[in-house]
């Protein structure tokens, strides 16, 4: 009985982790304000924040129009955001 309970607990935790991951990768219907990136990462990241804002806006508009290109723009925005967090972590 203990083995079954442990198995169910581990399975449940794995399922919750999968749901959390799926939620994190979905698009938010509420876009960040333009200032969010600049406030979060500082003025030293002005160009990359502008690029992130542009790509995010383009992806949102294309997604609203049902165009497949939205995925490409969202991917570019995601990569810019990844770089911003990476550079913040390294202290740049």
Protein backbone atom coordinates (compact mmCIF):
# COMPACT_ATOMS: atom_id res chain seq x y z
CA UNK A 1 0.00 0.00 0.00
CA UNK A 2 2.88 2.40 0.77
CA UNK A 3 4.45 1.78 -2.63
CA UNK A 4 1.16 2.57 -4.35
CA UNK A 5 0.77 5.79 -2.35
CA UNK A 6 4.33 6.87 -3.18
CA UNK A 7 3.78 6.08 -6.87
CA UNK A 8 0.59 8.15 -6.92
CA UNK A 9 2.33 11.01 -5.15
CA UNK A 10 5.23 11.01 -7.62
CA UNK A 11 2.85 10.74 -10.57
CA UNK A 12 0.75 13.61 -9.22
CA UNK A 13 3.82 15.80 -8.75
CA UNK A 14 4.96 15.06 -12.31
CA UNK A 15 1.52 15.96 -13.65
CA UNK A 16 1.51 19.24 -11.73
CA UNK A 17 4.96 20.08 -13.05
CA UNK A 18 3.73 19.44 -16.59
CA UNK A 19 0.72 21.70 -16.09
CA UNK A 20 2.89 24.47 -14.65
CA UNK A 21 5.25 24.17 -17.60
CA UNK A 22 2.38 24.34 -20.08
CA UNK A 23 0.95 27.39 -18.35
CA UNK A 24 4.31 29.14 -18.43
CA UNK A 25 4.64 28.62 -22.18
CA UNK A 26 1.18 29.89 -23.12
CA UNK A 27 0.63 33.41 -24.33
CA UNK A 28 -0.73 35.94 -21.92
CA UNK A 29 -3.79 37.78 -23.21
CA UNK A 30 -2.59 40.83 -21.30
CA UNK A 31 0.64 42.16 -22.81
CA UNK A 32 3.28 43.74 -20.59
CA UNK A 33 3.45 47.51 -20.69
CA UNK A 34 6.23 48.93 -22.85
CA UNK A 35 7.96 50.15 -19.68
CA UNK A 36 7.98 46.70 -18.05
CA UNK A 37 11.13 45.51 -19.82
CA UNK A 38 13.00 48.78 -19.26
CA UNK A 39 11.98 48.88 -15.59
CA UNK A 40 12.88 45.23 -15.05
CA UNK A 41 16.22 45.12 -16.87
CA UNK A 42 17.37 48.75 -16.75
CA UNK A 43 18.37 51.38 -19.27
CA UNK A 44 21.46 49.43 -20.25
CA UNK A 45 19.21 46.99 -22.11
CA UNK A 46 17.34 49.68 -24.06
CA UNK A 47 17.90 48.18 -27.53
CA UNK A 48 17.09 44.60 -26.54
CA UNK A 49 13.97 45.75 -24.67
CA UNK A 50 12.82 47.69 -27.72
CA UNK A 51 13.34 44.58 -29.85
CA UNK A 52 11.44 42.43 -27.32
CA UNK A 53 8.54 44.92 -27.26
CA UNK A 54 8.43 45.08 -31.07
CA UNK A 55 8.51 41.29 -31.53
CA UNK A 56 5.88 40.77 -28.82
CA UNK A 57 3.55 43.33 -30.39
CA UNK A 58 4.03 41.87 -33.87
CA UNK A 59 3.33 38.35 -32.59
CA UNK A 60 0.18 39.49 -30.79
CA UNK A 61 -1.18 41.28 -33.87
CA UNK A 62 -0.38 38.36 -36.19
CA UNK A 63 -1.91 35.90 -33.71
CA UNK A 64 -5.10 37.98 -33.59
CA UNK A 65 -5.23 37.81 -37.39
CA UNK A 66 -4.68 34.05 -37.31
CA UNK A 67 -1.40 34.19 -39.20
CA UNK A 68 1.19 31.42 -38.82
CA UNK A 69 4.05 33.93 -38.77
CA UNK A 70 3.05 34.83 -35.20
CA UNK A 71 5.04 31.82 -33.97
CA UNK A 72 8.24 33.18 -35.51
CA UNK A 73 7.81 36.60 -33.93
CA UNK A 74 6.91 35.06 -30.56
CA UNK A 75 9.99 32.87 -30.80
CA UNK A 76 12.12 35.97 -31.42
CA UNK A 77 10.53 37.72 -28.42
CA UNK A 78 11.10 34.64 -26.25
CA UNK A 79 14.76 34.52 -27.29
CA UNK A 80 15.20 38.23 -26.51
CA UNK A 81 13.61 37.73 -23.09
CA UNK A 82 15.84 34.72 -22.44
CA UNK A 83 18.89 36.84 -23.28
CA UNK A 84 17.68 39.64 -21.02
CA UNK A 85 17.31 37.28 -18.07
CA UNK A 86 20.63 35.61 -18.84
CA UNK A 87 22.47 38.93 -18.97
CA UNK A 88 20.74 40.08 -15.78
CA UNK A 89 21.88 36.89 -14.07
CA UNK A 90 25.47 37.49 -15.21
CA UNK A 91 25.27 41.09 -14.00
CA UNK A 92 25.61 42.75 -17.40
